[in-house]
Amino acid sequence: MRLIGIVLIVLGVLALAYGGIQYTSREKVVDLGPLQVTATKKKNIPLPPIAGGIALVTGIVLVVADRKKS
């Protein structure tokens, strides 16, 4: 339970710090026989700050609950 709490704390802090996940994709723009033109596009998956906050608080609660159990 303590390990899950620590993982949630780390994920919550990262979600709050970065605000989303960015990745790059390659797409074909032109395909004329042997001639191919591709473009790279950056895409973003936004993460709401409330999700990071919930993960952070849940992780802290799990770590504290595990300490009181021991």
PDB file of N, CA and C in Angstrom:
ATOM      1  N   MET A   1       0.819  -1.176   0.000  1.00  0.00           N
ATOM      2  CA  MET A   1       0.000   0.000   0.000  1.00  0.00           C
ATOM      3  C   MET A   1       0.880   1.264   0.000  1.00  0.00           C
ATOM      4  N   ARG A   2       1.993   1.168   0.683  1.00  0.00           N
ATOM      5  CA  ARG A   2       2.916   2.303   0.734  1.00  0.00           C
ATOM      6  C   ARG A   2       3.509   2.580  -0.646  1.00  0.00           C
ATOM      7  N   LEU A   3       3.847   1.533  -1.387  1.00  0.00           N
ATOM      8  CA  LEU A   3       4.425   1.697  -2.721  1.00  0.00           C
ATOM      9  C   LEU A   3       3.429   2.358  -3.669  1.00  0.00           C
ATOM     10  N   ILE A   4       2.168   1.940  -3.603  1.00  0.00           N
ATOM     11  CA  ILE A   4       1.140   2.553  -4.448  1.00  0.00           C
ATOM     12  C   ILE A   4       0.991   4.033  -4.100  1.00  0.00           C
ATOM     13  N   GLY A   5       1.053   4.350  -2.806  1.00  0.00           N
ATOM     14  CA  GLY A   5       0.967   5.743  -2.379  1.00  0.00           C
ATOM     15  C   GLY A   5       2.109   6.587  -2.911  1.00  0.00           C
ATOM     16  N   ILE A   6       3.314   6.044  -2.874  1.00  0.00           N
ATOM     17  CA  ILE A   6       4.481   6.779  -3.382  1.00  0.00           C
ATOM     18  C   ILE A   6       4.370   6.997  -4.886  1.00  0.00           C
ATOM     19  N   VAL A   7       3.917   5.970  -5.601  1.00  0.00           N
ATOM     20  CA  VAL A   7       3.743   6.099  -7.057  1.00  0.00           C
ATOM     21  C   VAL A   7       2.699   7.170  -7.368  1.00  0.00           C
ATOM     22  N   LEU A   8       1.595   7.182  -6.620  1.00  0.00           N
ATOM     23  CA  LEU A   8       0.566   8.201  -6.846  1.00  0.00           C
ATOM     24  C   LEU A   8       1.072   9.604  -6.538  1.00  0.00           C
ATOM     25  N   ILE A   9       1.893   9.736  -5.520  1.00  0.00           N
ATOM     26  CA  ILE A   9       2.467  11.049  -5.189  1.00  0.00           C
ATOM     27  C   ILE A   9       3.348  11.532  -6.342  1.00  0.00           C
ATOM     28  N   VAL A  10       4.200  10.659  -6.856  1.00  0.00           N
ATOM     29  CA  VAL A  10       5.086  11.040  -7.966  1.00  0.00           C
ATOM     30  C   VAL A  10       4.274  11.399  -9.207  1.00  0.00           C
ATOM     31  N   LEU A  11       3.273  10.582  -9.536  1.00  0.00           N
ATOM     32  CA  LEU A  11       2.443  10.870 -10.708  1.00  0.00           C
ATOM     33  C   LEU A  11       1.656  12.171 -10.537  1.00  0.00           C
ATOM     34  N   GLY A  12       1.169  12.421  -9.330  1.00  0.00           N
ATOM     35  CA  GLY A  12       0.436  13.657  -9.077  1.00  0.00           C
ATOM     36  C   GLY A  12       1.311  14.889  -9.232  1.00  0.00           C
ATOM     37  N   VAL A  13       2.531  14.821  -8.714  1.00  0.00           N
ATOM     38  CA  VAL A  13       3.457  15.958  -8.845  1.00  0.00           C
ATOM     39  C   VAL A  13       3.814  16.191 -10.315  1.00  0.00           C
ATOM     40  N   LEU A  14       4.070  15.099 -11.048  1.00  0.00           N
ATOM     41  CA  LEU A  14       4.395  15.244 -12.478  1.00  0.00           C
ATOM     42  C   LEU A  14       3.220  15.810 -13.258  1.00  0.00           C
ATOM     43  N   ALA A  15       2.006  15.359 -12.951  1.00  0.00           N
ATOM     44  CA  ALA A  15       0.825  15.876 -13.652  1.00  0.00           C
ATOM     45  C   ALA A  15       0.626  17.359 -13.377  1.00  0.00           C
ATOM     46  N   LEU A  16       0.874  17.772 -12.146  1.00  0.00           N
ATOM     47  CA  LEU A  16       0.742  19.193 -11.827  1.00  0.00           C
ATOM     48  C   LEU A  16       1.858  20.026 -12.461  1.00  0.00           C
ATOM     49  N   ALA A  17       3.048  19.465 -12.551  1.00  0.00           N
ATOM     50  CA  ALA A  17       4.186  20.215 -13.094  1.00  0.00           C
ATOM     51  C   ALA A  17       4.097  20.382 -14.606  1.00  0.00           C
ATOM     52  N   TYR A  18       3.728  19.320 -15.315  1.00  0.00           N
ATOM     53  CA  TYR A  18       3.746  19.372 -16.774  1.00  0.00           C
ATOM     54  C   TYR A  18       2.396  19.720 -17.384  1.00  0.00           C
ATOM     55  N   GLY A  19       1.310  19.404 -16.727  1.00  0.00           N
ATOM     56  CA  GLY A  19      -0.008  19.774 -17.226  1.00  0.00           C
ATOM     57  C   GLY A  19      -0.493  18.971 -18.413  1.00  0.00           C
ATOM     58  N   GLY A  20       0.243  17.993 -18.851  1.00  0.00           N
ATOM     59  CA  GLY A  20      -0.194  17.179 -19.978  1.00  0.00           C
ATOM     60  C   GLY A  20       0.929  16.326 -20.521  1.00  0.00           C
ATOM     61  N   ILE A  21       0.573  15.527 -21.512  1.00  0.00           N
ATOM     62  CA  ILE A  21       1.535  14.630 -22.147  1.00  0.00           C
ATOM     63  C   ILE A  21       1.703  15.084 -23.594  1.00  0.00           C
ATOM     64  N   GLN A  22       2.946  15.325 -24.002  1.00  0.00           N
ATOM     65  CA  GLN A  22       3.225  15.710 -25.381  1.00  0.00           C
ATOM     66  C   GLN A  22       3.898  14.564 -26.113  1.00  0.00           C
ATOM     67  N   TYR A  23       3.503  14.385 -27.376  1.00  0.00           N
ATOM     68  CA  TYR A  23       4.149  13.388 -28.203  1.00  0.00           C
ATOM     69  C   TYR A  23       4.203  13.889 -29.641  1.00  0.00           C
ATOM     70  N   THR A  24       5.067  13.291 -30.424  1.00  0.00           N
ATOM     71  CA  THR A  24       5.258  13.682 -31.821  1.00  0.00           C
ATOM     72  C   THR A  24       4.801  12.551 -32.715  1.00  0.00           C
ATOM     73  N   SER A  25       4.077  12.905 -33.775  1.00  0.00           N
ATOM     74  CA  SER A  25       3.638  11.887 -34.729  1.00  0.00           C
ATOM     75  C   SER A  25       4.060  12.306 -36.134  1.00  0.00           C
ATOM     76  N   ARG A  26       4.287  11.303 -36.962  1.00  0.00           N
ATOM     77  CA  ARG A  26       4.640  11.568 -38.362  1.00  0.00           C
ATOM     78  C   ARG A  26       3.434  11.242 -39.222  1.00  0.00           C
ATOM     79  N   GLU A  27       3.117  12.141 -40.138  1.00  0.00           N
ATOM     80  CA  GLU A  27       1.979  11.959 -41.032  1.00  0.00           C
ATOM     81  C   GLU A  27       2.416  12.182 -42.471  1.00  0.00           C
ATOM     82  N   LYS A  28       1.871  11.357 -43.368  1.00  0.00           N
ATOM     83  CA  LYS A  28       2.143  11.559 -44.795  1.00  0.00           C
ATOM     84  C   LYS A  28       1.346  12.747 -45.288  1.00  0.00           C
ATOM     85  N   VAL A  29       2.036  13.652 -45.961  1.00  0.00           N
ATOM     86  CA  VAL A  29       1.381  14.821 -46.529  1.00  0.00           C
ATOM     87  C   VAL A  29       1.145  14.584 -48.013  1.00  0.00           C
ATOM     88  N   VAL A  30       2.166  14.062 -48.710  1.00  0.00           N
ATOM     89  CA  VAL A  30       2.073  13.799 -50.150  1.00  0.00           C
ATOM     90  C   VAL A  30       2.609  12.400 -50.415  1.00  0.00           C
ATOM     91  N   ASP A  31       1.889  11.640 -51.245  1.00  0.00           N
ATOM     92  CA  ASP A  31       2.326  10.298 -51.631  1.00  0.00           C
ATOM     93  C   ASP A  31       2.106  10.149 -53.133  1.00  0.00           C
ATOM     94  N   LEU A  32       3.143  10.472 -53.913  1.00  0.00           N
ATOM     95  CA  LEU A  32       3.073  10.380 -55.371  1.00  0.00           C
ATOM     96  C   LEU A  32       4.081   9.345 -55.855  1.00  0.00           C
ATOM     97  N   GLY A  33       3.695   8.077 -55.819  1.00  0.00           N
ATOM     98  CA  GLY A  33       4.593   7.011 -56.250  1.00  0.00           C
ATOM     99  C   GLY A  33       5.825   6.957 -55.375  1.00  0.00           C
ATOM    100  N   PRO A  34       7.018   7.129 -55.986  1.00  0.00           N
ATOM    101  CA  PRO A  34       8.241   7.043 -55.183  1.00  0.00           C
ATOM    102  C   PRO A  34       8.496   8.300 -54.333  1.00  0.00           C
ATOM    103  N   LEU A  35       7.742   9.363 -54.591  1.00  0.00           N
ATOM    104  CA  LEU A  35       7.926  10.605 -53.850  1.00  0.00           C
ATOM    105  C   LEU A  35       6.953  10.645 -52.667  1.00  0.00           C
ATOM    106  N   GLN A  36       7.513  10.716 -51.475  1.00  0.00           N
ATOM    107  CA  GLN A  36       6.686  10.806 -50.274  1.00  0.00           C
ATOM    108  C   GLN A  36       7.178  11.956 -49.412  1.00  0.00           C
ATOM    109  N   VAL A  37       6.247  12.747 -48.943  1.00  0.00           N
ATOM    110  CA  VAL A  37       6.568  13.861 -48.075  1.00  0.00           C
ATOM    111  C   VAL A  37       5.843  13.633 -46.744  1.00  0.00           C
ATOM    112  N   THR A  38       6.611  13.676 -45.677  1.00  0.00           N
ATOM    113  CA  THR A  38       6.012  13.507 -44.355  1.00  0.00           C
ATOM    114  C   THR A  38       6.237  14.760 -43.523  1.00  0.00           C
ATOM    115  N   ALA A  39       5.370  14.942 -42.559  1.00  0.00           N
ATOM    116  CA  ALA A  39       5.481  16.073 -41.650  1.00  0.00           C
ATOM    117  C   ALA A  39       5.381  15.556 -40.222  1.00  0.00           C
ATOM    118  N   THR A  40       6.141  16.158 -39.340  1.00  0.00           N
ATOM    119  CA  THR A  40       6.049  15.799 -37.930  1.00  0.00           C
ATOM    120  C   THR A  40       5.176  16.839 -37.225  1.00  0.00           C
ATOM    121  N   LYS A  41       4.261  16.348 -36.425  1.00  0.00           N
ATOM    122  CA  LYS A  41       3.365  17.234 -35.698  1.00  0.00           C
ATOM    123  C   LYS A  41       3.430  16.900 -34.219  1.00  0.00           C
ATOM    124  N   LYS A  42       3.506  17.936 -33.419  1.00  0.00           N
ATOM    125  CA  LYS A  42       3.476  17.751 -31.963  1.00  0.00           C
ATOM    126  C   LYS A  42       2.025  17.784 -31.504  1.00  0.00           C
ATOM    127  N   LYS A  43       1.670  16.798 -30.717  1.00  0.00           N
ATOM    128  CA  LYS A  43       0.315  16.729 -30.189  1.00  0.00           C
ATOM    129  C   LYS A  43       0.378  16.725 -28.674  1.00  0.00           C
ATOM    130  N   ASN A  44      -0.697  17.181 -28.064  1.00  0.00           N
ATOM    131  CA  ASN A  44      -0.737  17.325 -26.620  1.00  0.00           C
ATOM    132  C   ASN A  44      -2.015  16.691 -26.076  1.00  0.00           C
ATOM    133  N   ILE A  45      -1.878  15.898 -25.026  1.00  0.00           N
ATOM    134  CA  ILE A  45      -3.023  15.366 -24.299  1.00  0.00           C
ATOM    135  C   ILE A  45      -3.046  16.108 -22.966  1.00  0.00           C
ATOM    136  N   PRO A  46      -3.986  17.027 -22.796  1.00  0.00           N
ATOM    137  CA  PRO A  46      -4.000  17.810 -21.555  1.00  0.00           C
ATOM    138  C   PRO A  46      -4.496  16.977 -20.367  1.00  0.00           C
ATOM    139  N   LEU A  47      -3.872  17.187 -19.228  1.00  0.00           N
ATOM    140  CA  LEU A  47      -4.314  16.575 -17.978  1.00  0.00           C
ATOM    141  C   LEU A  47      -4.831  17.690 -17.078  1.00  0.00           C
ATOM    142  N   PRO A  48      -6.065  17.566 -16.607  1.00  0.00           N
ATOM    143  CA  PRO A  48      -6.574  18.628 -15.734  1.00  0.00           C
ATOM    144  C   PRO A  48      -5.823  18.651 -14.401  1.00  0.00           C
ATOM    145  N   PRO A  49      -5.599  19.826 -13.866  1.00  0.00           N
ATOM    146  CA  PRO A  49      -4.876  19.924 -12.593  1.00  0.00           C
ATOM    147  C   PRO A  49      -5.576  19.189 -11.459  1.00  0.00           C
ATOM    148  N   ILE A  50      -6.885  19.067 -11.531  1.00  0.00           N
ATOM    149  CA  ILE A  50      -7.612  18.374 -10.467  1.00  0.00           C
ATOM    150  C   ILE A  50      -7.228  16.899 -10.414  1.00  0.00           C
ATOM    151  N   ALA A  51      -6.919  16.299 -11.566  1.00  0.00           N
ATOM    152  CA  ALA A  51      -6.501  14.892 -11.586  1.00  0.00           C
ATOM    153  C   ALA A  51      -5.154  14.728 -10.883  1.00  0.00           C
ATOM    154  N   GLY A  52      -4.239  15.644 -11.121  1.00  0.00           N
ATOM    155  CA  GLY A  52      -2.948  15.602 -10.430  1.00  0.00           C
ATOM    156  C   GLY A  52      -3.099  15.818  -8.938  1.00  0.00           C
ATOM    157  N   GLY A  53      -3.989  16.737  -8.557  1.00  0.00           N
ATOM    158  CA  GLY A  53      -4.232  16.999  -7.145  1.00  0.00           C
ATOM    159  C   GLY A  53      -4.861  15.806  -6.437  1.00  0.00           C
ATOM    160  N   ILE A  54      -5.809  15.151  -7.104  1.00  0.00           N
ATOM    161  CA  ILE A  54      -6.450  13.969  -6.519  1.00  0.00           C
ATOM    162  C   ILE A  54      -5.441  12.843  -6.337  1.00  0.00           C
ATOM    163  N   ALA A  55      -4.591  12.632  -7.336  1.00  0.00           N
ATOM    164  CA  ALA A  55      -3.569  11.587  -7.230  1.00  0.00           C
ATOM    165  C   ALA A  55      -2.595  11.897  -6.095  1.00  0.00           C
ATOM    166  N   LEU A  56      -2.220  13.152  -5.963  1.00  0.00           N
ATOM    167  CA  LEU A  56      -1.289  13.563  -4.912  1.00  0.00           C
ATOM    168  C   LEU A  56      -1.894  13.351  -3.522  1.00  0.00           C
ATOM    169  N   VAL A  57      -3.123  13.799  -3.327  1.00  0.00           N
ATOM    170  CA  VAL A  57      -3.780  13.657  -2.029  1.00  0.00           C
ATOM    171  C   VAL A  57      -4.022  12.185  -1.697  1.00  0.00           C
ATOM    172  N   THR A  58      -4.454  11.406  -2.673  1.00  0.00           N
ATOM    173  CA  THR A  58      -4.682   9.981  -2.448  1.00  0.00           C
ATOM    174  C   THR A  58      -3.385   9.273  -2.067  1.00  0.00           C
ATOM    175  N   GLY A  59      -2.303   9.619  -2.718  1.00  0.00           N
ATOM    176  CA  GLY A  59      -1.006   9.029  -2.388  1.00  0.00           C
ATOM    177  C   GLY A  59      -0.570   9.359  -0.978  1.00  0.00           C
ATOM    178  N   ILE A  60      -0.769  10.610  -0.576  1.00  0.00           N
ATOM    179  CA  ILE A  60      -0.400  11.010   0.788  1.00  0.00           C
ATOM    180  C   ILE A  60      -1.249  10.263   1.806  1.00  0.00           C
ATOM    181  N   VAL A  61      -2.545  10.130   1.534  1.00  0.00           N
ATOM    182  CA  VAL A  61      -3.427   9.410   2.452  1.00  0.00           C
ATOM    183  C   VAL A  61      -2.995   7.956   2.581  1.00  0.00           C
ATOM    184  N   LEU A  62      -2.639   7.319   1.471  1.00  0.00           N
ATOM    185  CA  LEU A  62      -2.205   5.922   1.525  1.00  0.00           C
ATOM    186  C   LEU A  62      -0.909   5.752   2.318  1.00  0.00           C
ATOM    187  N   VAL A  63       0.041   6.655   2.126  1.00  0.00           N
ATOM    188  CA  VAL A  63       1.307   6.558   2.848  1.00  0.00           C
ATOM    189  C   VAL A  63       1.084   6.774   4.344  1.00  0.00           C
ATOM    190  N   VAL A  64       0.272   7.760   4.706  1.00  0.00           N
ATOM    191  CA  VAL A  64      -0.005   8.041   6.117  1.00  0.00           C
ATOM    192  C   VAL A  64      -0.779   6.875   6.751  1.00  0.00           C
ATOM    193  N   ALA A  65      -1.747   6.319   6.037  1.00  0.00           N
ATOM    194  CA  ALA A  65      -2.525   5.197   6.560  1.00  0.00           C
ATOM    195  C   ALA A  65      -1.633   3.976   6.769  1.00  0.00           C
ATOM    196  N   ASP A  66      -0.679   3.765   5.884  1.00  0.00           N
ATOM    197  CA  ASP A  66       0.230   2.618   6.013  1.00  0.00           C
ATOM    198  C   ASP A  66       1.158   2.800   7.219  1.00  0.00           C
ATOM    199  N   ARG A  67       1.571   4.026   7.501  1.00  0.00           N
ATOM    200  CA  ARG A  67       2.444   4.275   8.663  1.00  0.00           C
ATOM    201  C   ARG A  67       1.678   4.049   9.965  1.00  0.00           C
ATOM    202  N   LYS A  68       0.417   4.439  10.000  1.00  0.00           N
ATOM    203  CA  LYS A  68      -0.361   4.254  11.216  1.00  0.00           C
ATOM    204  C   LYS A  68      -0.651   2.782  11.468  1.00  0.00           C
ATOM    205  N   LYS A  69      -0.739   1.995  10.394  1.00  0.00           N
ATOM    206  CA  LYS A  69      -0.974   0.549  10.518  1.00  0.00           C
ATOM    207  C   LYS A  69       0.218  -0.146  11.150  1.00  0.00           C
ATOM    208  N   SER A  70       1.400   0.273  10.786  1.00  0.00           N
ATOM    209  CA  SER A  70       2.627  -0.415  11.229  1.00  0.00           C
ATOM    210  C   SER A  70       2.989  -0.168  12.644  1.00  0.00           C
TER     211      SER A  70
END
